[in-house]
Amino acid sequence: LADLDDIDLRSLRRNPHPGPFTELLNNADNEGFIGPRTCAKLAADFETYRPAAVAGLPPWALDLYDDWAAAFTLAARDGVGRLH
Protein backbone atom coordinates (compact mmCIF):
# COMPACT_ATOMS: atom_id res chain seq x y z
CA LEU A 1 0.00 0.00 0.00
CA ALA A 2 2.80 2.40 0.83
CA ASP A 3 4.36 1.86 -2.58
CA LEU A 4 1.13 2.83 -4.37
CA ASP A 5 1.56 6.42 -3.14
CA ASP A 6 5.33 6.53 -2.47
CA ILE A 7 4.78 6.69 1.29
CA ASP A 8 7.95 6.48 3.39
CA LEU A 9 6.95 4.17 6.24
CA ARG A 10 9.81 5.19 8.53
CA SER A 11 8.87 8.84 8.18
CA LEU A 12 5.18 8.05 8.70
CA ARG A 13 5.90 6.16 11.90
CA ARG A 14 8.11 8.96 13.25
CA ASN A 15 5.67 11.69 12.23
CA PRO A 16 2.12 10.30 11.77
CA HIS A 17 -0.04 12.36 9.44
CA PRO A 18 -3.26 11.88 7.48
CA GLY A 19 -2.99 10.30 4.07
CA PRO A 20 -4.00 7.31 2.01
CA PHE A 21 -3.98 4.03 3.92
CA THR A 22 -2.24 5.62 6.93
CA GLU A 23 -4.72 4.07 9.37
CA LEU A 24 -3.45 0.66 8.26
CA LEU A 25 0.17 1.54 7.64
CA ASN A 26 0.66 3.14 11.03
CA ASN A 27 -1.26 0.58 13.05
CA ALA A 28 -0.51 -2.77 14.65
CA ASP A 29 -1.77 -5.42 12.26
CA ASN A 30 -2.50 -7.98 14.92
CA GLU A 31 -4.91 -6.26 17.28
CA GLY A 32 -7.64 -3.69 17.53
CA PHE A 33 -10.71 -2.43 15.76
CA ILE A 34 -11.33 0.17 13.06
CA GLY A 35 -14.68 1.96 13.27
CA PRO A 36 -17.11 2.64 10.43
CA ARG A 37 -15.93 6.18 9.62
CA THR A 38 -12.34 5.08 9.29
CA CYS A 39 -13.45 2.01 7.33
CA ALA A 40 -15.31 4.32 4.92
CA LYS A 41 -12.18 6.45 4.50
CA LEU A 42 -10.08 3.33 3.85
CA ALA A 43 -12.66 1.98 1.39
CA ALA A 44 -12.38 5.28 -0.51
CA ASP A 45 -8.57 4.99 -0.46
CA PHE A 46 -8.78 1.48 -1.92
CA GLU A 47 -11.15 2.71 -4.64
CA THR A 48 -8.95 5.71 -5.49
CA TYR A 49 -5.75 3.68 -5.71
CA ARG A 50 -7.18 0.65 -7.52
CA PRO A 51 -5.85 1.77 -10.95
CA ALA A 52 -2.35 1.99 -9.46
CA ALA A 53 -2.85 -1.41 -7.83
CA VAL A 54 -3.96 -2.96 -11.13
CA ALA A 55 -0.92 -1.50 -12.87
CA GLY A 56 1.64 -2.30 -10.20
CA LEU A 57 0.65 -5.42 -8.28
CA PRO A 58 0.99 -9.06 -9.28
CA PRO A 59 -2.34 -10.92 -9.61
CA TRP A 60 -2.12 -12.60 -6.20
CA ALA A 61 -1.53 -9.24 -4.48
CA LEU A 62 -4.35 -7.60 -6.43
CA ASP A 63 -6.67 -10.33 -5.15
CA LEU A 64 -5.67 -9.46 -1.57
CA TYR A 65 -6.07 -5.75 -2.32
CA ASP A 66 -9.61 -6.38 -3.56
CA ASP A 67 -10.41 -8.49 -0.48
CA TRP A 68 -9.30 -5.65 1.82
CA ALA A 69 -11.27 -3.14 -0.25
CA ALA A 70 -14.41 -5.28 -0.01
CA ALA A 71 -13.98 -5.74 3.74
CA PHE A 72 -13.66 -2.00 4.41
CA THR A 73 -16.58 -1.22 2.10
CA LEU A 74 -18.73 -3.67 4.03
CA ALA A 75 -17.57 -2.44 7.44
CA ALA A 76 -18.22 1.20 6.45
CA ARG A 77 -21.93 0.44 6.72
CA ASP A 78 -22.15 0.65 10.54
CA GLY A 79 -19.66 -2.13 11.07
CA VAL A 80 -16.09 -2.42 12.28
CA GLY A 81 -12.87 -3.84 10.97
CA ARG A 82 -11.19 -6.20 13.41
CA LEU A 83 -7.46 -6.74 13.14
CA HIS A 84 -6.17 -9.98 14.58
PDB file of N, CA and C in Angstrom:
ATOM      1  N   LEU A   1       0.827  -1.195   0.000  1.00  0.00           N
ATOM      2  CA  LEU A   1       0.000   0.000   0.000  1.00  0.00           C
ATOM      3  C   LEU A   1       0.862   1.246   0.000  1.00  0.00           C
ATOM      4  N   ALA A   2       1.923   1.227   0.769  1.00  0.00           N
ATOM      5  CA  ALA A   2       2.800   2.395   0.832  1.00  0.00           C
ATOM      6  C   ALA A   2       3.409   2.690  -0.538  1.00  0.00           C
ATOM      7  N   ASP A   3       3.749   1.660  -1.267  1.00  0.00           N
ATOM      8  CA  ASP A   3       4.358   1.862  -2.585  1.00  0.00           C
ATOM      9  C   ASP A   3       3.396   2.476  -3.597  1.00  0.00           C
ATOM     10  N   LEU A   4       2.104   2.284  -3.412  1.00  0.00           N
ATOM     11  CA  LEU A   4       1.134   2.831  -4.366  1.00  0.00           C
ATOM     12  C   LEU A   4       1.098   4.352  -4.353  1.00  0.00           C
ATOM     13  N   ASP A   5       1.546   4.963  -3.240  1.00  0.00           N
ATOM     14  CA  ASP A   5       1.558   6.422  -3.139  1.00  0.00           C
ATOM     15  C   ASP A   5       2.921   6.944  -2.672  1.00  0.00           C
ATOM     16  N   ASP A   6       3.964   6.145  -2.867  1.00  0.00           N
ATOM     17  CA  ASP A   6       5.330   6.528  -2.473  1.00  0.00           C
ATOM     18  C   ASP A   6       5.402   7.047  -1.034  1.00  0.00           C
ATOM     19  N   ILE A   7       4.776   6.322  -0.127  1.00  0.00           N
ATOM     20  CA  ILE A   7       4.780   6.693   1.289  1.00  0.00           C
ATOM     21  C   ILE A   7       6.018   6.100   1.944  1.00  0.00           C
ATOM     22  N   ASP A   8       6.776   6.928   2.643  1.00  0.00           N
ATOM     23  CA  ASP A   8       7.946   6.484   3.389  1.00  0.00           C
ATOM     24  C   ASP A   8       7.474   6.024   4.769  1.00  0.00           C
ATOM     25  N   LEU A   9       7.487   4.723   4.992  1.00  0.00           N
ATOM     26  CA  LEU A   9       6.949   4.173   6.242  1.00  0.00           C
ATOM     27  C   LEU A   9       7.728   4.627   7.469  1.00  0.00           C
ATOM     28  N   ARG A  10       9.037   4.735   7.372  1.00  0.00           N
ATOM     29  CA  ARG A  10       9.809   5.195   8.531  1.00  0.00           C
ATOM     30  C   ARG A  10       9.406   6.607   8.918  1.00  0.00           C
ATOM     31  N   SER A  11       9.270   7.447   7.925  1.00  0.00           N
ATOM     32  CA  SER A  11       8.866   8.838   8.182  1.00  0.00           C
ATOM     33  C   SER A  11       7.456   8.889   8.749  1.00  0.00           C
ATOM     34  N   LEU A  12       6.556   8.079   8.216  1.00  0.00           N
ATOM     35  CA  LEU A  12       5.177   8.052   8.696  1.00  0.00           C
ATOM     36  C   LEU A  12       5.118   7.626  10.155  1.00  0.00           C
ATOM     37  N   ARG A  13       5.922   6.643  10.515  1.00  0.00           N
ATOM     38  CA  ARG A  13       5.898   6.161  11.898  1.00  0.00           C
ATOM     39  C   ARG A  13       6.506   7.168  12.863  1.00  0.00           C
ATOM     40  N   ARG A  14       7.506   7.917  12.399  1.00  0.00           N
ATOM     41  CA  ARG A  14       8.111   8.955  13.252  1.00  0.00           C
ATOM     42  C   ARG A  14       7.214  10.176  13.368  1.00  0.00           C
ATOM     43  N   ASN A  15       6.492  10.485  12.289  1.00  0.00           N
ATOM     44  CA  ASN A  15       5.673  11.685  12.230  1.00  0.00           C
ATOM     45  C   ASN A  15       4.324  11.342  11.591  1.00  0.00           C
ATOM     46  N   PRO A  16       3.416  10.699  12.342  1.00  0.00           N
ATOM     47  CA  PRO A  16       2.122  10.301  11.774  1.00  0.00           C
ATOM     48  C   PRO A  16       1.355  11.507  11.227  1.00  0.00           C
ATOM     49  N   HIS A  17       0.749  11.311  10.078  1.00  0.00           N
ATOM     50  CA  HIS A  17      -0.043  12.358   9.443  1.00  0.00           C
ATOM     51  C   HIS A  17      -1.112  11.711   8.577  1.00  0.00           C
ATOM     52  N   PRO A  18      -2.191  12.430   8.310  1.00  0.00           N
ATOM     53  CA  PRO A  18      -3.257  11.881   7.476  1.00  0.00           C
ATOM     54  C   PRO A  18      -2.760  11.626   6.053  1.00  0.00           C
ATOM     55  N   GLY A  19      -3.322  10.625   5.447  1.00  0.00           N
ATOM     56  CA  GLY A  19      -2.989  10.304   4.066  1.00  0.00           C
ATOM     57  C   GLY A  19      -3.622   8.993   3.679  1.00  0.00           C
ATOM     58  N   PRO A  20      -3.409   8.558   2.449  1.00  0.00           N
ATOM     59  CA  PRO A  20      -3.998   7.308   2.008  1.00  0.00           C
ATOM     60  C   PRO A  20      -3.431   6.113   2.780  1.00  0.00           C
ATOM     61  N   PHE A  21      -4.316   5.281   3.244  1.00  0.00           N
ATOM     62  CA  PHE A  21      -3.975   4.027   3.923  1.00  0.00           C
ATOM     63  C   PHE A  21      -3.236   4.200   5.253  1.00  0.00           C
ATOM     64  N   THR A  22      -3.065   5.426   5.735  1.00  0.00           N
ATOM     65  CA  THR A  22      -2.240   5.618   6.930  1.00  0.00           C
ATOM     66  C   THR A  22      -2.812   4.925   8.159  1.00  0.00           C
ATOM     67  N   GLU A  23      -4.110   4.758   8.223  1.00  0.00           N
ATOM     68  CA  GLU A  23      -4.721   4.074   9.371  1.00  0.00           C
ATOM     69  C   GLU A  23      -4.284   2.606   9.417  1.00  0.00           C
ATOM     70  N   LEU A  24      -3.964   2.026   8.290  1.00  0.00           N
ATOM     71  CA  LEU A  24      -3.450   0.659   8.256  1.00  0.00           C
ATOM     72  C   LEU A  24      -1.935   0.634   8.374  1.00  0.00           C
ATOM     73  N   LEU A  25      -1.286   1.547   7.685  1.00  0.00           N
ATOM     74  CA  LEU A  25       0.172   1.538   7.640  1.00  0.00           C
ATOM     75  C   LEU A  25       0.808   1.921   8.967  1.00  0.00           C
ATOM     76  N   ASN A  26       0.111   2.699   9.756  1.00  0.00           N
ATOM     77  CA  ASN A  26       0.664   3.144  11.031  1.00  0.00           C
ATOM     78  C   ASN A  26      -0.126   2.535  12.188  1.00  0.00           C
ATOM     79  N   ASN A  27      -0.430   1.259  12.074  1.00  0.00           N
ATOM     80  CA  ASN A  27      -1.256   0.581  13.051  1.00  0.00           C
ATOM     81  C   ASN A  27      -0.730  -0.835  13.230  1.00  0.00           C
ATOM     82  N   ALA A  28      -0.846  -1.356  14.438  1.00  0.00           N
ATOM     83  CA  ALA A  28      -0.507  -2.765  14.650  1.00  0.00           C
ATOM     84  C   ALA A  28      -1.452  -3.610  13.803  1.00  0.00           C
ATOM     85  N   ASP A  29      -0.920  -4.608  13.124  1.00  0.00           N
ATOM     86  CA  ASP A  29      -1.766  -5.416  12.256  1.00  0.00           C
ATOM     87  C   ASP A  29      -2.303  -6.662  12.942  1.00  0.00           C
ATOM     88  N   ASN A  30      -2.075  -6.764  14.244  1.00  0.00           N
ATOM     89  CA  ASN A  30      -2.499  -7.984  14.924  1.00  0.00           C
ATOM     90  C   ASN A  30      -3.475  -7.750  16.072  1.00  0.00           C
ATOM     91  N   GLU A  31      -3.972  -6.515  16.185  1.00  0.00           N
ATOM     92  CA  GLU A  31      -4.908  -6.258  17.277  1.00  0.00           C
ATOM     93  C   GLU A  31      -5.691  -4.986  17.006  1.00  0.00           C
ATOM     94  N   GLY A  32      -6.868  -4.917  17.580  1.00  0.00           N
ATOM     95  CA  GLY A  32      -7.639  -3.688  17.533  1.00  0.00           C
ATOM     96  C   GLY A  32      -8.809  -3.717  16.571  1.00  0.00           C
ATOM     97  N   PHE A  33      -9.520  -2.601  16.577  1.00  0.00           N
ATOM     98  CA  PHE A  33     -10.711  -2.430  15.761  1.00  0.00           C
ATOM     99  C   PHE A  33     -10.624  -1.107  15.015  1.00  0.00           C
ATOM    100  N   ILE A  34     -11.229  -1.063  13.852  1.00  0.00           N
ATOM    101  CA  ILE A  34     -11.331   0.165  13.060  1.00  0.00           C
ATOM    102  C   ILE A  34     -12.811   0.436  12.868  1.00  0.00           C
ATOM    103  N   GLY A  35     -13.262   1.606  13.316  1.00  0.00           N
ATOM    104  CA  GLY A  35     -14.677   1.959  13.266  1.00  0.00           C
ATOM    105  C   GLY A  35     -15.181   2.279  11.875  1.00  0.00           C
ATOM    106  N   PRO A  36     -16.502   2.471  11.749  1.00  0.00           N
ATOM    107  CA  PRO A  36     -17.112   2.635  10.433  1.00  0.00           C
ATOM    108  C   PRO A  36     -16.651   3.874   9.665  1.00  0.00           C
ATOM    109  N   ARG A  37     -16.397   4.980  10.350  1.00  0.00           N
ATOM    110  CA  ARG A  37     -15.929   6.180   9.622  1.00  0.00           C
ATOM    111  C   ARG A  37     -14.549   5.960   9.016  1.00  0.00           C
ATOM    112  N   THR A  38     -13.679   5.361   9.800  1.00  0.00           N
ATOM    113  CA  THR A  38     -12.338   5.079   9.286  1.00  0.00           C
ATOM    114  C   THR A  38     -12.399   4.004   8.210  1.00  0.00           C
ATOM    115  N   CYS A  39     -13.277   3.025   8.368  1.00  0.00           N
ATOM    116  CA  CYS A  39     -13.454   2.011   7.328  1.00  0.00           C
ATOM    117  C   CYS A  39     -13.937   2.647   6.019  1.00  0.00           C
ATOM    118  N   ALA A  40     -14.830   3.623   6.128  1.00  0.00           N
ATOM    119  CA  ALA A  40     -15.313   4.316   4.924  1.00  0.00           C
ATOM    120  C   ALA A  40     -14.176   5.079   4.257  1.00  0.00           C
ATOM    121  N   LYS A  41     -13.328   5.727   5.055  1.00  0.00           N
ATOM    122  CA  LYS A  41     -12.183   6.447   4.500  1.00  0.00           C
ATOM    123  C   LYS A  41     -11.241   5.475   3.807  1.00  0.00           C
ATOM    124  N   LEU A  42     -10.962   4.328   4.451  1.00  0.00           N
ATOM    125  CA  LEU A  42     -10.078   3.332   3.847  1.00  0.00           C
ATOM    126  C   LEU A  42     -10.694   2.735   2.585  1.00  0.00           C
ATOM    127  N   ALA A  43     -11.996   2.485   2.586  1.00  0.00           N
ATOM    128  CA  ALA A  43     -12.662   1.982   1.386  1.00  0.00           C
ATOM    129  C   ALA A  43     -12.480   2.962   0.231  1.00  0.00           C
ATOM    130  N   ALA A  44     -12.591   4.259   0.522  1.00  0.00           N
ATOM    131  CA  ALA A  44     -12.379   5.279  -0.508  1.00  0.00           C
ATOM    132  C   ALA A  44     -10.930   5.274  -0.988  1.00  0.00           C
ATOM    133  N   ASP A  45      -9.978   5.087  -0.067  1.00  0.00           N
ATOM    134  CA  ASP A  45      -8.567   4.992  -0.463  1.00  0.00           C
ATOM    135  C   ASP A  45      -8.361   3.818  -1.410  1.00  0.00           C
ATOM    136  N   PHE A  46      -8.926   2.665  -1.062  1.00  0.00           N
ATOM    137  CA  PHE A  46      -8.780   1.485  -1.919  1.00  0.00           C
ATOM    138  C   PHE A  46      -9.391   1.735  -3.300  1.00  0.00           C
ATOM    139  N   GLU A  47     -10.521   2.410  -3.351  1.00  0.00           N
ATOM    140  CA  GLU A  47     -11.148   2.713  -4.641  1.00  0.00           C
ATOM    141  C   GLU A  47     -10.274   3.674  -5.456  1.00  0.00           C
ATOM    142  N   THR A  48      -9.776   4.710  -4.811  1.00  0.00           N
ATOM    143  CA  THR A  48      -8.951   5.711  -5.493  1.00  0.00           C
ATOM    144  C   THR A  48      -7.677   5.101  -6.064  1.00  0.00           C
ATOM    145  N   TYR A  49      -7.050   4.226  -5.313  1.00  0.00           N
ATOM    146  CA  TYR A  49      -5.754   3.677  -5.708  1.00  0.00           C
ATOM    147  C   TYR A  49      -5.852   2.360  -6.475  1.00  0.00           C
ATOM    148  N   ARG A  50      -7.053   1.913  -6.790  1.00  0.00           N
ATOM    149  CA  ARG A  50      -7.177   0.647  -7.517  1.00  0.00           C
ATOM    150  C   ARG A  50      -6.483   0.675  -8.876  1.00  0.00           C
ATOM    151  N   PRO A  51      -6.599   1.770  -9.674  1.00  0.00           N
ATOM    152  CA  PRO A  51      -5.853   1.770 -10.949  1.00  0.00           C
ATOM    153  C   PRO A  51      -4.346   1.569 -10.752  1.00  0.00           C
ATOM    154  N   ALA A  52      -3.776   2.182  -9.735  1.00  0.00           N
ATOM    155  CA  ALA A  52      -2.349   1.989  -9.460  1.00  0.00           C
ATOM    156  C   ALA A  52      -2.078   0.555  -9.025  1.00  0.00           C
ATOM    157  N   ALA A  53      -2.997  -0.023  -8.261  1.00  0.00           N
ATOM    158  CA  ALA A  53      -2.846  -1.411  -7.828  1.00  0.00           C
ATOM    159  C   ALA A  53      -2.903  -2.355  -9.021  1.00  0.00           C
ATOM    160  N   VAL A  54      -3.834  -2.126  -9.928  1.00  0.00           N
ATOM    161  CA  VAL A  54      -3.960  -2.962 -11.128  1.00  0.00           C
ATOM    162  C   VAL A  54      -2.680  -2.895 -11.953  1.00  0.00           C
ATOM    163  N   ALA A  55      -2.119  -1.693 -12.061  1.00  0.00           N
ATOM    164  CA  ALA A  55      -0.919  -1.499 -12.875  1.00  0.00           C
ATOM    165  C   ALA A  55       0.346  -2.027 -12.198  1.00  0.00           C
ATOM    166  N   GLY A  56       0.383  -2.025 -10.871  1.00  0.00           N
ATOM    167  CA  GLY A  56       1.641  -2.304 -10.204  1.00  0.00           C
ATOM    168  C   GLY A  56       1.731  -3.566  -9.374  1.00  0.00           C
ATOM    169  N   LEU A  57       0.623  -4.234  -9.137  1.00  0.00           N
ATOM    170  CA  LEU A  57       0.654  -5.419  -8.283  1.00  0.00           C
ATOM    171  C   LEU A  57       0.543  -6.698  -9.094  1.00  0.00           C
ATOM    172  N   PRO A  58       1.197  -7.760  -8.635  1.00  0.00           N
ATOM    173  CA  PRO A  58       0.986  -9.058  -9.275  1.00  0.00           C
ATOM    174  C   PRO A  58      -0.436  -9.545  -8.981  1.00  0.00           C
ATOM    175  N   PRO A  59      -0.942 -10.468  -9.786  1.00  0.00           N
ATOM    176  CA  PRO A  59      -2.336 -10.915  -9.612  1.00  0.00           C
ATOM    177  C   PRO A  59      -2.683 -11.383  -8.206  1.00  0.00           C
ATOM    178  N   TRP A  60      -1.806 -12.113  -7.556  1.00  0.00           N
ATOM    179  CA  TRP A  60      -2.119 -12.601  -6.202  1.00  0.00           C
ATOM    180  C   TRP A  60      -2.268 -11.436  -5.230  1.00  0.00           C
ATOM    181  N   ALA A  61      -1.453 -10.391  -5.369  1.00  0.00           N
ATOM    182  CA  ALA A  61      -1.531  -9.235  -4.476  1.00  0.00           C
ATOM    183  C   ALA A  61      -2.764  -8.396  -4.789  1.00  0.00           C
ATOM    184  N   LEU A  62      -3.132  -8.326  -6.054  1.00  0.00           N
ATOM    185  CA  LEU A  62      -4.347  -7.596  -6.425  1.00  0.00           C
ATOM    186  C   LEU A  62      -5.573  -8.284  -5.838  1.00  0.00           C
ATOM    187  N   ASP A  63      -5.568  -9.607  -5.795  1.00  0.00           N
ATOM    188  CA  ASP A  63      -6.672 -10.332  -5.153  1.00  0.00           C
ATOM    189  C   ASP A  63      -6.784  -9.950  -3.676  1.00  0.00           C
ATOM    190  N   LEU A  64      -5.653  -9.870  -2.976  1.00  0.00           N
ATOM    191  CA  LEU A  64      -5.671  -9.459  -1.573  1.00  0.00           C
ATOM    192  C   LEU A  64      -6.130  -8.008  -1.437  1.00  0.00           C
ATOM    193  N   TYR A  65      -5.660  -7.161  -2.318  1.00  0.00           N
ATOM    194  CA  TYR A  65      -6.067  -5.753  -2.319  1.00  0.00           C
ATOM    195  C   TYR A  65      -7.581  -5.659  -2.431  1.00  0.00           C
ATOM    196  N   ASP A  66      -8.158  -6.410  -3.368  1.00  0.00           N
ATOM    197  CA  ASP A  66      -9.612  -6.383  -3.563  1.00  0.00           C
ATOM    198  C   ASP A  66     -10.358  -6.946  -2.361  1.00  0.00           C
ATOM    199  N   ASP A  67      -9.788  -7.952  -1.695  1.00  0.00           N
ATOM    200  CA  ASP A  67     -10.407  -8.492  -0.481  1.00  0.00           C
ATOM    201  C   ASP A  67     -10.452  -7.435   0.627  1.00  0.00           C
ATOM    202  N   TRP A  68      -9.339  -6.714   0.816  1.00  0.00           N
ATOM    203  CA  TRP A  68      -9.302  -5.646   1.822  1.00  0.00           C
ATOM    204  C   TRP A  68     -10.297  -4.549   1.459  1.00  0.00           C
ATOM    205  N   ALA A  69     -10.341  -4.184   0.194  1.00  0.00           N
ATOM    206  CA  ALA A  69     -11.271  -3.137  -0.252  1.00  0.00           C
ATOM    207  C   ALA A  69     -12.711  -3.545   0.047  1.00  0.00           C
ATOM    208  N   ALA A  70     -13.054  -4.792  -0.258  1.00  0.00           N
ATOM    209  CA  ALA A  70     -14.409  -5.278  -0.008  1.00  0.00           C
ATOM    210  C   ALA A  70     -14.724  -5.286   1.483  1.00  0.00           C
ATOM    211  N   ALA A  71     -13.757  -5.693   2.299  1.00  0.00           N
ATOM    212  CA  ALA A  71     -13.984  -5.741   3.745  1.00  0.00           C
ATOM    213  C   ALA A  71     -14.243  -4.342   4.302  1.00  0.00           C
ATOM    214  N   PHE A  72     -13.463  -3.355   3.886  1.00  0.00           N
ATOM    215  CA  PHE A  72     -13.661  -1.997   4.405  1.00  0.00           C
ATOM    216  C   PHE A  72     -14.940  -1.372   3.864  1.00  0.00           C
ATOM    217  N   THR A  73     -15.308  -1.709   2.648  1.00  0.00           N
ATOM    218  CA  THR A  73     -16.576  -1.221   2.098  1.00  0.00           C
ATOM    219  C   THR A  73     -17.746  -1.772   2.906  1.00  0.00           C
ATOM    220  N   LEU A  74     -17.682  -3.039   3.225  1.00  0.00           N
ATOM    221  CA  LEU A  74     -18.733  -3.668   4.026  1.00  0.00           C
ATOM    222  C   LEU A  74     -18.774  -3.091   5.443  1.00  0.00           C
ATOM    223  N   ALA A  75     -17.616  -2.937   6.064  1.00  0.00           N
ATOM    224  CA  ALA A  75     -17.566  -2.438   7.442  1.00  0.00           C
ATOM    225  C   ALA A  75     -17.961  -0.957   7.529  1.00  0.00           C
ATOM    226  N   ALA A  76     -17.864  -0.231   6.441  1.00  0.00           N
ATOM    227  CA  ALA A  76     -18.218   1.201   6.446  1.00  0.00           C
ATOM    228  C   ALA A  76     -19.715   1.400   6.701  1.00  0.00           C
ATOM    229  N   ARG A  77     -20.487   0.368   6.508  1.00  0.00           N
ATOM    230  CA  ARG A  77     -21.933   0.444   6.723  1.00  0.00           C
ATOM    231  C   ARG A  77     -22.263   0.043   8.163  1.00  0.00           C
ATOM    232  N   ASP A  78     -21.876   0.879   9.120  1.00  0.00           N
ATOM    233  CA  ASP A  78     -22.152   0.645  10.538  1.00  0.00           C
ATOM    234  C   ASP A  78     -21.510  -0.610  11.096  1.00  0.00           C
ATOM    235  N   GLY A  79     -20.379  -0.986  10.559  1.00  0.00           N
ATOM    236  CA  GLY A  79     -19.656  -2.131  11.072  1.00  0.00           C
ATOM    237  C   GLY A  79     -18.305  -1.716  11.620  1.00  0.00           C
ATOM    238  N   VAL A  80     -17.446  -2.685  11.846  1.00  0.00           N
ATOM    239  CA  VAL A  80     -16.087  -2.425  12.279  1.00  0.00           C
ATOM    240  C   VAL A  80     -15.149  -3.380  11.559  1.00  0.00           C
ATOM    241  N   GLY A  81     -13.923  -2.946  11.445  1.00  0.00           N
ATOM    242  CA  GLY A  81     -12.867  -3.844  10.968  1.00  0.00           C
ATOM    243  C   GLY A  81     -12.096  -4.345  12.173  1.00  0.00           C
ATOM    244  N   ARG A  82     -11.928  -5.627  12.272  1.00  0.00           N
ATOM    245  CA  ARG A  82     -11.188  -6.202  13.406  1.00  0.00           C
ATOM    246  C   ARG A  82      -9.858  -6.731  12.886  1.00  0.00           C
ATOM    247  N   LEU A  83      -8.799  -6.254  13.497  1.00  0.00           N
ATOM    248  CA  LEU A  83      -7.462  -6.736  13.144  1.00  0.00           C
ATOM    249  C   LEU A  83      -7.051  -7.766  14.150  1.00  0.00           C
ATOM    250  N   HIS A  84      -6.624  -8.926  13.665  1.00  0.00           N
ATOM    251  CA  HIS A  84      -6.172  -9.978  14.579  1.00  0.00           C
ATOM    252  C   HIS A  84      -5.127 -10.829  13.922  1.00  0.00           C
TER     253      HIS A  84
END
